[in-house]
PDB file of all heavy atoms in Angstrom:
ATOM      1  N   LEU A   1      -4.100  -8.809   2.967  1.00  0.00           N
ATOM      2  CA  LEU A   1      -4.641  -7.449   2.914  1.00  0.00           C
ATOM      3  C   LEU A   1      -5.156  -7.056   1.539  1.00  0.00           C
ATOM      4  O   LEU A   1      -6.083  -6.249   1.436  1.00  0.00           O
ATOM      5  CB  LEU A   1      -3.566  -6.451   3.353  1.00  0.00           C
ATOM      6  CG  LEU A   1      -3.102  -6.589   4.817  1.00  0.00           C
ATOM      7  CD1 LEU A   1      -2.025  -5.566   5.128  1.00  0.00           C
ATOM      8  CD2 LEU A   1      -4.268  -6.436   5.771  1.00  0.00           C
ATOM      9  N   ALA A   2      -4.565  -7.588   0.500  1.00  0.00           N
ATOM     10  CA  ALA A   2      -5.002  -7.217  -0.855  1.00  0.00           C
ATOM     11  C   ALA A   2      -6.490  -7.499  -1.063  1.00  0.00           C
ATOM     12  O   ALA A   2      -7.179  -6.783  -1.799  1.00  0.00           O
ATOM     13  CB  ALA A   2      -4.175  -7.956  -1.898  1.00  0.00           C
ATOM     14  N   GLN A   3      -6.989  -8.572  -0.402  1.00  0.00           N
ATOM     15  CA  GLN A   3      -8.417  -8.897  -0.503  1.00  0.00           C
ATOM     16  C   GLN A   3      -9.214  -8.288   0.650  1.00  0.00           C
ATOM     17  O   GLN A   3     -10.328  -7.796   0.458  1.00  0.00           O
ATOM     18  CB  GLN A   3      -8.622 -10.421  -0.489  1.00  0.00           C
ATOM     19  CG  GLN A   3      -8.335 -11.115  -1.809  1.00  0.00           C
ATOM     20  CD  GLN A   3      -6.836 -11.182  -2.112  1.00  0.00           C
ATOM     21  OE1 GLN A   3      -6.044 -11.486  -1.217  1.00  0.00           O
ATOM     22  NE2 GLN A   3      -6.451 -10.891  -3.348  1.00  0.00           N
ATOM     23  N   ARG A   4      -8.641  -8.316   1.864  1.00  0.00           N
ATOM     24  CA  ARG A   4      -9.404  -7.904   3.034  1.00  0.00           C
ATOM     25  C   ARG A   4      -9.590  -6.391   3.143  1.00  0.00           C
ATOM     26  O   ARG A   4     -10.639  -5.928   3.623  1.00  0.00           O
ATOM     27  CB  ARG A   4      -8.741  -8.436   4.312  1.00  0.00           C
ATOM     28  CG  ARG A   4      -8.812  -9.955   4.415  1.00  0.00           C
ATOM     29  CD  ARG A   4      -8.311 -10.441   5.767  1.00  0.00           C
ATOM     30  NE  ARG A   4      -8.378 -11.900   5.835  1.00  0.00           N
ATOM     31  CZ  ARG A   4      -9.486 -12.575   6.130  1.00  0.00           C
ATOM     32  NH1 ARG A   4     -10.605 -11.930   6.379  1.00  0.00           N
ATOM     33  NH2 ARG A   4      -9.459 -13.898   6.176  1.00  0.00           N
ATOM     34  N   GLU A   5      -8.591  -5.630   2.721  1.00  0.00           N
ATOM     35  CA  GLU A   5      -8.735  -4.172   2.837  1.00  0.00           C
ATOM     36  C   GLU A   5      -9.902  -3.650   2.007  1.00  0.00           C
ATOM     37  O   GLU A   5     -10.706  -2.862   2.517  1.00  0.00           O
ATOM     38  CB  GLU A   5      -7.424  -3.472   2.455  1.00  0.00           C
ATOM     39  CG  GLU A   5      -6.383  -3.499   3.561  1.00  0.00           C
ATOM     40  CD  GLU A   5      -5.142  -2.684   3.218  1.00  0.00           C
ATOM     41  OE1 GLU A   5      -5.080  -2.143   2.091  1.00  0.00           O
ATOM     42  OE2 GLU A   5      -4.253  -2.593   4.081  1.00  0.00           O
ATOM     43  N   PRO A   6     -10.028  -4.027   0.723  1.00  0.00           N
ATOM     44  CA  PRO A   6     -11.196  -3.559  -0.041  1.00  0.00           C
ATOM     45  C   PRO A   6     -12.525  -3.976   0.607  1.00  0.00           C
ATOM     46  O   PRO A   6     -13.496  -3.209   0.566  1.00  0.00           O
ATOM     47  CB  PRO A   6     -11.013  -4.221  -1.412  1.00  0.00           C
ATOM     48  CG  PRO A   6      -9.538  -4.428  -1.528  1.00  0.00           C
ATOM     49  CD  PRO A   6      -9.096  -4.771  -0.143  1.00  0.00           C
ATOM     50  N   GLU A   7     -12.565  -5.188   1.215  1.00  0.00           N
ATOM     51  CA  GLU A   7     -13.786  -5.621   1.894  1.00  0.00           C
ATOM     52  C   GLU A   7     -14.113  -4.697   3.061  1.00  0.00           C
ATOM     53  O   GLU A   7     -15.279  -4.324   3.275  1.00  0.00           O
ATOM     54  CB  GLU A   7     -13.614  -7.058   2.399  1.00  0.00           C
ATOM     55  CG  GLU A   7     -13.518  -8.104   1.297  1.00  0.00           C
ATOM     56  CD  GLU A   7     -13.148  -9.489   1.848  1.00  0.00           C
ATOM     57  OE1 GLU A   7     -13.101  -9.630   3.091  1.00  0.00           O
ATOM     58  OE2 GLU A   7     -12.909 -10.395   1.042  1.00  0.00           O
ATOM     59  N   THR A   8     -13.075  -4.344   3.836  1.00  0.00           N
ATOM     60  CA  THR A   8     -13.280  -3.441   4.973  1.00  0.00           C
ATOM     61  C   THR A   8     -13.767  -2.080   4.509  1.00  0.00           C
ATOM     62  O   THR A   8     -14.691  -1.497   5.095  1.00  0.00           O
ATOM     63  CB  THR A   8     -11.965  -3.274   5.760  1.00  0.00           C
ATOM     64  OG1 THR A   8     -11.528  -4.549   6.225  1.00  0.00           O
ATOM     65  CG2 THR A   8     -12.151  -2.332   6.956  1.00  0.00           C
ATOM     66  N   LEU A   9     -13.159  -1.559   3.436  1.00  0.00           N
ATOM     67  CA  LEU A   9     -13.559  -0.252   2.921  1.00  0.00           C
ATOM     68  C   LEU A   9     -14.996  -0.265   2.413  1.00  0.00           C
ATOM     69  O   LEU A   9     -15.746   0.697   2.612  1.00  0.00           O
ATOM     70  CB  LEU A   9     -12.611   0.194   1.807  1.00  0.00           C
ATOM     71  CG  LEU A   9     -11.146   0.433   2.225  1.00  0.00           C
ATOM     72  CD1 LEU A   9     -10.306   0.793   1.006  1.00  0.00           C
ATOM     73  CD2 LEU A   9     -11.052   1.517   3.274  1.00  0.00           C
ATOM     74  N   ARG A  10     -15.397  -1.392   1.771  1.00  0.00           N
ATOM     75  CA  ARG A  10     -16.787  -1.513   1.305  1.00  0.00           C
ATOM     76  C   ARG A  10     -17.748  -1.523   2.494  1.00  0.00           C
ATOM     77  O   ARG A  10     -18.813  -0.901   2.450  1.00  0.00           O
ATOM     78  CB  ARG A  10     -16.951  -2.788   0.472  1.00  0.00           C
ATOM     79  CG  ARG A  10     -16.601  -2.612  -0.996  1.00  0.00           C
ATOM     80  CD  ARG A  10     -17.101  -3.774  -1.839  1.00  0.00           C
ATOM     81  NE  ARG A  10     -16.443  -5.019  -1.479  1.00  0.00           N
ATOM     82  CZ  ARG A  10     -15.291  -5.434  -2.012  1.00  0.00           C
ATOM     83  NH1 ARG A  10     -14.671  -4.673  -2.919  1.00  0.00           N
ATOM     84  NH2 ARG A  10     -14.751  -6.584  -1.652  1.00  0.00           N
ATOM     85  N   LYS A  11     -17.346  -2.217   3.565  1.00  0.00           N
ATOM     86  CA  LYS A  11     -18.197  -2.275   4.755  1.00  0.00           C
ATOM     87  C   LYS A  11     -18.341  -0.884   5.370  1.00  0.00           C
ATOM     88  O   LYS A  11     -19.456  -0.475   5.749  1.00  0.00           O
ATOM     89  CB  LYS A  11     -17.601  -3.250   5.777  1.00  0.00           C
ATOM     90  CG  LYS A  11     -18.451  -3.386   7.036  1.00  0.00           C
ATOM     91  CD  LYS A  11     -17.839  -4.369   8.016  1.00  0.00           C
ATOM     92  CE  LYS A  11     -18.710  -4.452   9.277  1.00  0.00           C
ATOM     93  NZ  LYS A  11     -18.131  -5.372  10.286  1.00  0.00           N
ATOM     94  N   TRP A  12     -17.238  -0.151   5.470  1.00  0.00           N
ATOM     95  CA  TRP A  12     -17.306   1.211   6.005  1.00  0.00           C
ATOM     96  C   TRP A  12     -18.252   2.068   5.168  1.00  0.00           C
ATOM     97  O   TRP A  12     -19.007   2.884   5.701  1.00  0.00           O
ATOM     98  CB  TRP A  12     -15.908   1.856   5.992  1.00  0.00           C
ATOM     99  CG  TRP A  12     -14.969   1.314   7.020  1.00  0.00           C
ATOM    100  CD1 TRP A  12     -15.231   0.365   7.960  1.00  0.00           C
ATOM    101  CD2 TRP A  12     -13.602   1.690   7.193  1.00  0.00           C
ATOM    102  NE1 TRP A  12     -14.118   0.125   8.712  1.00  0.00           N
ATOM    103  CE2 TRP A  12     -13.099   0.923   8.281  1.00  0.00           C
ATOM    104  CE3 TRP A  12     -12.752   2.585   6.560  1.00  0.00           C
ATOM    105  CZ2 TRP A  12     -11.795   1.042   8.724  1.00  0.00           C
ATOM    106  CZ3 TRP A  12     -11.450   2.710   7.004  1.00  0.00           C
ATOM    107  CH2 TRP A  12     -10.966   1.945   8.078  1.00  0.00           C
ATOM    108  N   ASP A  13     -18.222   1.869   3.858  1.00  0.00           N
ATOM    109  CA  ASP A  13     -19.076   2.640   2.964  1.00  0.00           C
ATOM    110  C   ASP A  13     -20.546   2.266   3.170  1.00  0.00           C
ATOM    111  O   ASP A  13     -21.422   3.133   3.196  1.00  0.00           O
ATOM    112  CB  ASP A  13     -18.652   2.390   1.513  1.00  0.00           C
ATOM    113  CG  ASP A  13     -19.266   3.398   0.552  1.00  0.00           C
ATOM    114  OD1 ASP A  13     -19.248   4.600   0.875  1.00  0.00           O
ATOM    115  OD2 ASP A  13     -19.764   2.977  -0.510  1.00  0.00           O
ATOM    116  N   GLN A  14     -20.804   0.978   3.327  1.00  0.00           N
ATOM    117  CA  GLN A  14     -22.181   0.498   3.487  1.00  0.00           C
ATOM    118  C   GLN A  14     -22.809   0.985   4.793  1.00  0.00           C
ATOM    119  O   GLN A  14     -24.002   1.318   4.844  1.00  0.00           O
ATOM    120  CB  GLN A  14     -22.208  -1.031   3.426  1.00  0.00           C
ATOM    121  CG  GLN A  14     -21.923  -1.597   2.036  1.00  0.00           C
ATOM    122  CD  GLN A  14     -21.639  -3.090   2.055  1.00  0.00           C
ATOM    123  OE1 GLN A  14     -21.638  -3.722   3.118  1.00  0.00           O
ATOM    124  NE2 GLN A  14     -21.372  -3.660   0.880  1.00  0.00           N
ATOM    125  N   ILE A  15     -22.011   1.011   5.848  1.00  0.00           N
ATOM    126  CA  ILE A  15     -22.564   1.421   7.150  1.00  0.00           C
ATOM    127  C   ILE A  15     -22.405   2.933   7.374  1.00  0.00           C
ATOM    128  O   ILE A  15     -22.723   3.431   8.455  1.00  0.00           O
ATOM    129  CB  ILE A  15     -21.900   0.652   8.311  1.00  0.00           C
ATOM    130  CG1 ILE A  15     -20.407   1.034   8.418  1.00  0.00           C
ATOM    131  CG2 ILE A  15     -22.084  -0.844   8.148  1.00  0.00           C
ATOM    132  CD1 ILE A  15     -19.723   0.450   9.649  1.00  0.00           C
ATOM    133  N   HIS A  16     -21.915   3.642   6.353  1.00  0.00           N
ATOM    134  CA  HIS A  16     -21.708   5.098   6.438  1.00  0.00           C
ATOM    135  C   HIS A  16     -20.850   5.445   7.651  1.00  0.00           C
ATOM    136  O   HIS A  16     -21.228   6.267   8.511  1.00  0.00           O
ATOM    137  CB  HIS A  16     -23.048   5.825   6.505  1.00  0.00           C
ATOM    138  CG  HIS A  16     -23.964   5.506   5.356  1.00  0.00           C
ATOM    139  ND1 HIS A  16     -23.731   5.929   4.059  1.00  0.00           N
ATOM    140  CD2 HIS A  16     -25.120   4.773   5.312  1.00  0.00           C
ATOM    141  CE1 HIS A  16     -24.694   5.482   3.270  1.00  0.00           C
ATOM    142  NE2 HIS A  16     -25.554   4.775   3.996  1.00  0.00           N
ATOM    143  N   ALA A  17     -19.674   4.826   7.717  1.00  0.00           N
ATOM    144  CA  ALA A  17     -18.806   4.953   8.887  1.00  0.00           C
ATOM    145  C   ALA A  17     -18.420   6.405   9.165  1.00  0.00           C
ATOM    146  O   ALA A  17     -18.339   6.820  10.333  1.00  0.00           O
ATOM    147  CB  ALA A  17     -17.544   4.111   8.683  1.00  0.00           C
ATOM    148  N   ARG A  18     -18.199   7.195   8.123  1.00  0.00           N
ATOM    149  CA  ARG A  18     -17.800   8.590   8.347  1.00  0.00           C
ATOM    150  C   ARG A  18     -18.889   9.358   9.069  1.00  0.00           C
ATOM    151  O   ARG A  18     -18.628  10.076  10.049  1.00  0.00           O
ATOM    152  CB  ARG A  18     -17.468   9.264   7.013  1.00  0.00           C
ATOM    153  CG  ARG A  18     -16.985  10.707   7.162  1.00  0.00           C
ATOM    154  CD  ARG A  18     -16.710  11.319   5.794  1.00  0.00           C
ATOM    155  NE  ARG A  18     -17.949  11.566   5.068  1.00  0.00           N
ATOM    156  CZ  ARG A  18     -18.634  12.715   5.106  1.00  0.00           C
ATOM    157  NH1 ARG A  18     -18.177  13.721   5.857  1.00  0.00           N
ATOM    158  NH2 ARG A  18     -19.738  12.882   4.413  1.00  0.00           N
ATOM    159  N   GLU A  19     -20.144   9.228   8.580  1.00  0.00           N
ATOM    160  CA  GLU A  19     -21.246   9.949   9.197  1.00  0.00           C
ATOM    161  C   GLU A  19     -21.493   9.464  10.630  1.00  0.00           C
ATOM    162  O   GLU A  19     -21.746  10.263  11.540  1.00  0.00           O
ATOM    163  CB  GLU A  19     -22.529   9.764   8.371  1.00  0.00           C
ATOM    164  CG  GLU A  19     -22.501  10.442   7.005  1.00  0.00           C
ATOM    165  CD  GLU A  19     -21.824   9.605   5.933  1.00  0.00           C
ATOM    166  OE1 GLU A  19     -21.184   8.580   6.277  1.00  0.00           O
ATOM    167  OE2 GLU A  19     -21.919   9.971   4.749  1.00  0.00           O
ATOM    168  N   VAL A  20     -21.385   8.150  10.826  1.00  0.00           N
ATOM    169  CA  VAL A  20     -21.569   7.591  12.175  1.00  0.00           C
ATOM    170  C   VAL A  20     -20.502   8.121  13.120  1.00  0.00           C
ATOM    171  O   VAL A  20     -20.777   8.478  14.273  1.00  0.00           O
ATOM    172  CB  VAL A  20     -21.527   6.039  12.124  1.00  0.00           C
ATOM    173  CG1 VAL A  20     -21.527   5.455  13.533  1.00  0.00           C
ATOM    174  CG2 VAL A  20     -22.708   5.503  11.325  1.00  0.00           C
ATOM    175  N   MET A  21     -19.255   8.176  12.626  1.00  0.00           N
ATOM    176  CA  MET A  21     -18.142   8.666  13.432  1.00  0.00           C
ATOM    177  C   MET A  21     -18.383  10.111  13.868  1.00  0.00           C
ATOM    178  O   MET A  21     -18.199  10.457  15.043  1.00  0.00           O
ATOM    179  CB  MET A  21     -16.846   8.574  12.627  1.00  0.00           C
ATOM    180  CG  MET A  21     -15.607   9.034  13.358  1.00  0.00           C
ATOM    181  SD  MET A  21     -14.122   9.045  12.293  1.00  0.00           S
ATOM    182  CE  MET A  21     -14.336  10.638  11.462  1.00  0.00           C
ATOM    183  N   VAL A  22     -18.820  10.955  12.931  1.00  0.00           N
ATOM    184  CA  VAL A  22     -19.057  12.362  13.244  1.00  0.00           C
ATOM    185  C   VAL A  22     -20.232  12.510  14.207  1.00  0.00           C
ATOM    186  O   VAL A  22     -20.172  13.268  15.187  1.00  0.00           O
ATOM    187  CB  VAL A  22     -19.313  13.166  11.946  1.00  0.00           C
ATOM    188  CG1 VAL A  22     -19.712  14.610  12.278  1.00  0.00           C
ATOM    189  CG2 VAL A  22     -18.078  13.154  11.058  1.00  0.00           C
ATOM    190  N   ASP A  23     -21.324  11.769  13.948  1.00  0.00           N
ATOM    191  CA  ASP A  23     -22.522  11.881  14.785  1.00  0.00           C
ATOM    192  C   ASP A  23     -22.282  11.390  16.205  1.00  0.00           C
ATOM    193  O   ASP A  23     -22.951  11.830  17.151  1.00  0.00           O
ATOM    194  CB  ASP A  23     -23.673  11.089  14.160  1.00  0.00           C
ATOM    195  CG  ASP A  23     -24.150  11.705  12.839  1.00  0.00           C
ATOM    196  OD1 ASP A  23     -23.827  12.893  12.602  1.00  0.00           O
ATOM    197  OD2 ASP A  23     -24.811  11.002  12.056  1.00  0.00           O
ATOM    198  N   ALA A  24     -21.334  10.470  16.360  1.00  0.00           N
ATOM    199  CA  ALA A  24     -21.073   9.892  17.674  1.00  0.00           C
ATOM    200  C   ALA A  24     -20.246  10.810  18.562  1.00  0.00           C
ATOM    201  O   ALA A  24     -20.042  10.529  19.739  1.00  0.00           O
ATOM    202  CB  ALA A  24     -20.358   8.547  17.523  1.00  0.00           C
ATOM    203  N   SER A  25     -19.751  11.899  18.002  1.00  0.00           N
ATOM    204  CA  SER A  25     -18.915  12.812  18.769  1.00  0.00           C
ATOM    205  C   SER A  25     -19.496  14.212  18.685  1.00  0.00           C
ATOM    206  O   SER A  25     -20.635  14.395  18.239  1.00  0.00           O
ATOM    207  CB  SER A  25     -17.479  12.783  18.223  1.00  0.00           C
ATOM    208  OG  SER A  25     -16.589  13.394  19.120  1.00  0.00           O
ATOM    209  N   GLY A  26     -18.772  15.191  19.158  1.00  0.00           N
ATOM    210  CA  GLY A  26     -19.224  16.569  19.043  1.00  0.00           C
ATOM    211  C   GLY A  26     -19.464  17.269  20.363  1.00  0.00           C
ATOM    212  O   GLY A  26     -19.845  18.439  20.388  1.00  0.00           O
ATOM    213  N   SER A  27     -19.211  16.590  21.474  1.00  0.00           N
ATOM    214  CA  SER A  27     -19.448  17.210  22.776  1.00  0.00           C
ATOM    215  C   SER A  27     -18.531  18.409  23.014  1.00  0.00           C
ATOM    216  O   SER A  27     -18.867  19.318  23.773  1.00  0.00           O
ATOM    217  CB  SER A  27     -19.252  16.176  23.902  1.00  0.00           C
ATOM    218  OG  SER A  27     -17.915  15.685  23.900  1.00  0.00           O
ATOM    219  N   ARG A  28     -17.394  18.414  22.349  1.00  0.00           N
ATOM    220  CA  ARG A  28     -16.423  19.508  22.534  1.00  0.00           C
ATOM    221  C   ARG A  28     -16.428  20.488  21.362  1.00  0.00           C
ATOM    222  O   ARG A  28     -15.563  21.357  21.285  1.00  0.00           O
ATOM    223  CB  ARG A  28     -15.020  18.929  22.725  1.00  0.00           C
ATOM    224  CG  ARG A  28     -14.837  18.161  24.026  1.00  0.00           C
ATOM    225  CD  ARG A  28     -13.414  17.673  24.166  1.00  0.00           C
ATOM    226  NE  ARG A  28     -12.459  18.774  24.067  1.00  0.00           N
ATOM    227  CZ  ARG A  28     -11.164  18.626  23.755  1.00  0.00           C
ATOM    228  NH1 ARG A  28     -10.694  17.408  23.486  1.00  0.00           N
ATOM    229  NH2 ARG A  28     -10.358  19.661  23.703  1.00  0.00           N
ATOM    230  N   GLY A  29     -17.381  20.342  20.445  1.00  0.00           N
ATOM    231  CA  GLY A  29     -17.466  21.273  19.333  1.00  0.00           C
ATOM    232  C   GLY A  29     -17.200  20.614  17.990  1.00  0.00           C
ATOM    233  O   GLY A  29     -17.285  19.387  17.854  1.00  0.00           O
ATOM    234  N   VAL A  30     -16.880  21.444  17.005  1.00  0.00           N
ATOM    235  CA  VAL A  30     -16.724  20.981  15.618  1.00  0.00           C
ATOM    236  C   VAL A  30     -15.286  21.226  15.159  1.00  0.00           C
ATOM    237  O   VAL A  30     -14.658  22.225  15.523  1.00  0.00           O
ATOM    238  CB  VAL A  30     -17.698  21.730  14.680  1.00  0.00           C
ATOM    239  CG1 VAL A  30     -17.464  21.350  13.227  1.00  0.00           C
ATOM    240  CG2 VAL A  30     -19.137  21.446  15.083  1.00  0.00           C
ATOM    241  N   TYR A  31     -14.753  20.290  14.383  1.00  0.00           N
ATOM    242  CA  TYR A  31     -13.413  20.428  13.804  1.00  0.00           C
ATOM    243  C   TYR A  31     -13.520  20.081  12.330  1.00  0.00           C
ATOM    244  O   TYR A  31     -13.965  18.986  11.966  1.00  0.00           O
ATOM    245  CB  TYR A  31     -12.426  19.479  14.497  1.00  0.00           C
ATOM    246  CG  TYR A  31     -11.017  19.543  13.972  1.00  0.00           C
ATOM    247  CD1 TYR A  31     -10.091  20.427  14.500  1.00  0.00           C
ATOM    248  CD2 TYR A  31     -10.606  18.715  12.922  1.00  0.00           C
ATOM    249  CE1 TYR A  31      -8.790  20.495  14.021  1.00  0.00           C
ATOM    250  CE2 TYR A  31      -9.306  18.774  12.429  1.00  0.00           C
ATOM    251  CZ  TYR A  31      -8.410  19.657  12.979  1.00  0.00           C
ATOM    252  OH  TYR A  31      -7.128  19.713  12.497  1.00  0.00           O
ATOM    253  N   VAL A  32     -13.148  21.016  11.457  1.00  0.00           N
ATOM    254  CA  VAL A  32     -13.204  20.776  10.012  1.00  0.00           C
ATOM    255  C   VAL A  32     -11.813  20.974   9.424  1.00  0.00           C
ATOM    256  O   VAL A  32     -11.178  22.010   9.652  1.00  0.00           O
ATOM    257  CB  VAL A  32     -14.201  21.726   9.307  1.00  0.00           C
ATOM    258  CG1 VAL A  32     -14.216  21.459   7.805  1.00  0.00           C
ATOM    259  CG2 VAL A  32     -15.589  21.570   9.894  1.00  0.00           C
ATOM    260  N   LEU A  33     -11.324  19.984   8.688  1.00  0.00           N
ATOM    261  CA  LEU A  33     -10.040  20.096   8.000  1.00  0.00           C
ATOM    262  C   LEU A  33     -10.304  20.222   6.503  1.00  0.00           C
ATOM    263  O   LEU A  33     -10.679  19.251   5.852  1.00  0.00           O
ATOM    264  CB  LEU A  33      -9.150  18.872   8.285  1.00  0.00           C
ATOM    265  CG  LEU A  33      -7.660  19.017   7.947  1.00  0.00           C
ATOM    266  CD1 LEU A  33      -6.848  17.967   8.705  1.00  0.00           C
ATOM    267  CD2 LEU A  33      -7.365  18.899   6.475  1.00  0.00           C
TER     268      LEU A  33
END
């Protein structure tokens, strides 16, 4: 994990995982924390 976790996090950053996750949902409205 010491090597693989940073690789996974870099991949999430490259593919903009947060924005993709938000855009893929929303049928029931918006939730902001």
